Amino acid sequence: WALRPTTERPAAPTYDQITTSPFSTVLELDGISGTVVLDLEPLSAGTYYDLYCYSEFYRPPPPPGSILPPRQGMTNQEILETRYGIHTMGPQFDDLGWECVSGRNCSIDNILGVGLSYRDSVMVRAD
């Protein structure tokens, strides 16, 4: 279970954040295009996420003792232009949360989220 997520859009990722992301893969293409499938977990329910793509030319490792050549990849603006937004299914956390007292009636209302229906229910946990 995630704690309450941020409600503000974070800044676009930097080059270092993208290249060190745990949600990355290396795809070497034989032709001009390819497909990558990534599992993005864990994500908080009912939350909006920004996804970014990044690519660069593959350069084989240099000989031992050589200086690494500079990497050729996308600019920050090109990375920003790949932004794709997704909503995860489920209830959205309320920033203020809800409080109930054990042994007393409790009402939780105005729950927002994606894909919710009258068949959904609430589960209580202790922090």
Protein backbone atom coordinates (compact mmCIF):
# COMPACT_ATOMS: atom_id res chain seq x y z
CA TRP A 1 0.00 0.00 0.00
CA ALA A 2 1.33 3.36 -0.93
CA LEU A 3 0.92 6.33 1.34
CA ARG A 4 -0.86 9.34 -0.07
CA PRO A 5 0.75 10.31 -3.38
CA THR A 6 1.57 13.84 -4.44
CA THR A 7 -1.23 15.85 -6.02
CA GLU A 8 1.06 18.14 -8.00
CA ARG A 9 2.65 17.29 -11.33
CA PRO A 10 6.37 16.81 -10.73
CA ALA A 11 8.99 18.42 -12.93
CA ALA A 12 9.97 16.59 -16.11
CA PRO A 13 12.68 14.01 -15.46
CA THR A 14 16.31 14.79 -16.08
CA TYR A 15 18.57 12.76 -18.35
CA ASP A 16 20.18 11.12 -15.30
CA GLN A 17 16.79 10.16 -13.84
CA ILE A 18 15.68 8.57 -17.09
CA THR A 19 18.89 6.62 -17.69
CA THR A 20 18.92 5.26 -14.13
CA SER A 21 15.19 4.50 -13.92
CA PRO A 22 14.27 0.97 -12.79
CA PHE A 23 11.55 1.09 -15.50
CA SER A 24 13.89 0.84 -18.46
CA THR A 25 15.06 -1.67 -20.99
CA VAL A 26 17.62 -1.92 -23.74
CA LEU A 27 16.26 -2.71 -27.19
CA GLU A 28 18.72 -3.23 -30.01
CA LEU A 29 16.98 -2.87 -33.36
CA ASP A 30 17.84 -4.79 -36.50
CA GLY A 31 15.56 -2.58 -38.57
CA ILE A 32 14.09 0.88 -38.08
CA SER A 33 11.46 0.18 -35.42
CA GLY A 34 10.61 -2.08 -32.52
CA THR A 35 8.24 -2.63 -29.62
CA VAL A 36 9.00 -2.60 -25.90
CA VAL A 37 6.66 -3.84 -23.16
CA LEU A 38 7.42 -2.78 -19.58
CA ASP A 39 5.63 -3.70 -16.35
CA LEU A 40 5.22 -0.51 -14.32
CA GLU A 41 4.79 -1.56 -10.70
CA PRO A 42 4.03 -0.57 -8.01
CA LEU A 43 1.76 2.33 -8.96
CA SER A 44 -0.80 3.93 -6.63
CA ALA A 45 -4.48 3.36 -7.45
CA GLY A 46 -6.58 6.14 -8.97
CA THR A 47 -3.52 8.22 -9.76
CA TYR A 48 -2.38 10.06 -12.87
CA TYR A 49 1.14 9.26 -14.09
CA ASP A 50 3.36 10.76 -16.76
CA LEU A 51 5.37 8.34 -18.89
CA TYR A 52 8.39 9.48 -20.92
CA CYS A 53 10.38 7.75 -23.63
CA TYR A 54 14.07 8.17 -24.23
CA SER A 55 16.36 6.70 -26.85
CA GLU A 56 19.95 7.04 -27.92
CA PHE A 57 22.33 5.52 -30.44
CA TYR A 58 23.99 2.35 -29.24
CA ARG A 59 27.75 2.49 -29.07
CA PRO A 60 29.69 -0.65 -28.26
CA PRO A 61 31.99 -0.43 -25.25
CA PRO A 62 35.39 1.08 -26.10
CA PRO A 63 38.57 -0.93 -25.68
CA PRO A 64 39.89 -1.21 -22.10
CA GLY A 65 41.64 1.97 -20.96
CA SER A 66 39.97 4.14 -23.59
CA ILE A 67 37.90 7.22 -22.88
CA LEU A 68 34.15 6.69 -23.17
CA PRO A 69 32.71 8.55 -26.16
CA PRO A 70 29.87 10.99 -25.49
CA ARG A 71 26.40 9.48 -25.62
CA GLN A 72 24.12 10.58 -28.46
CA GLY A 73 20.54 10.76 -27.30
CA MET A 74 17.43 12.88 -27.18
CA THR A 75 17.42 16.47 -25.97
CA ASN A 76 15.38 17.51 -22.92
CA GLN A 77 12.74 19.05 -25.22
CA GLU A 78 12.50 15.85 -27.27
CA ILE A 79 12.06 13.83 -24.07
CA LEU A 80 9.33 16.20 -22.85
CA GLU A 81 7.47 15.82 -26.16
CA THR A 82 7.15 12.04 -25.55
CA ARG A 83 5.11 12.55 -22.36
CA TYR A 84 2.10 10.25 -22.23
CA GLY A 85 -0.39 10.34 -19.37
CA ILE A 86 -2.14 7.33 -17.84
CA HIS A 87 -4.65 6.88 -15.01
CA THR A 88 -4.44 3.78 -12.85
CA MET A 89 -7.68 2.03 -11.93
CA GLY A 90 -9.09 2.26 -8.42
CA PRO A 91 -9.82 4.81 -5.70
CA GLN A 92 -7.84 8.01 -5.45
CA PHE A 93 -6.35 8.89 -2.08
CA ASP A 94 -7.79 11.93 -0.33
CA ASP A 95 -4.98 14.24 0.81
CA LEU A 96 -6.72 14.77 4.14
CA GLY A 97 -7.56 11.10 4.55
CA TRP A 98 -10.41 9.79 6.68
CA GLU A 99 -10.50 9.13 10.39
CA CYS A 100 -12.79 6.76 12.21
CA VAL A 101 -12.91 5.70 15.85
CA SER A 102 -13.04 2.02 16.68
CA GLY A 103 -16.44 0.89 17.94
CA ARG A 104 -18.31 3.88 16.47
CA ASN A 105 -20.19 4.35 13.22
CA CYS A 106 -18.07 5.88 10.50
CA SER A 107 -18.99 7.43 7.19
CA ILE A 108 -16.61 7.65 4.27
CA ASP A 109 -17.98 9.45 1.23
CA ASN A 110 -16.95 11.38 -1.87
CA ILE A 111 -14.43 8.73 -2.90
CA LEU A 112 -12.97 9.58 -6.32
CA GLY A 113 -11.13 7.29 -8.66
CA VAL A 114 -11.03 5.56 -12.02
CA GLY A 115 -13.25 2.60 -12.83
CA LEU A 116 -15.20 2.61 -9.53
CA SER A 117 -18.73 1.21 -9.31
CA TYR A 118 -21.41 0.53 -6.68
CA ARG A 119 -19.97 -2.98 -6.32
CA ASP A 120 -16.69 -1.68 -4.85
CA SER A 121 -16.17 -1.60 -1.11
CA VAL A 122 -13.82 -0.09 1.47
CA MET A 123 -11.15 -1.94 3.43
CA VAL A 124 -9.77 -0.48 6.65
CA ARG A 125 -6.15 -0.79 7.69
CA ALA A 126 -4.14 0.40 10.67
CA ASP A 127 -1.12 2.62 9.98
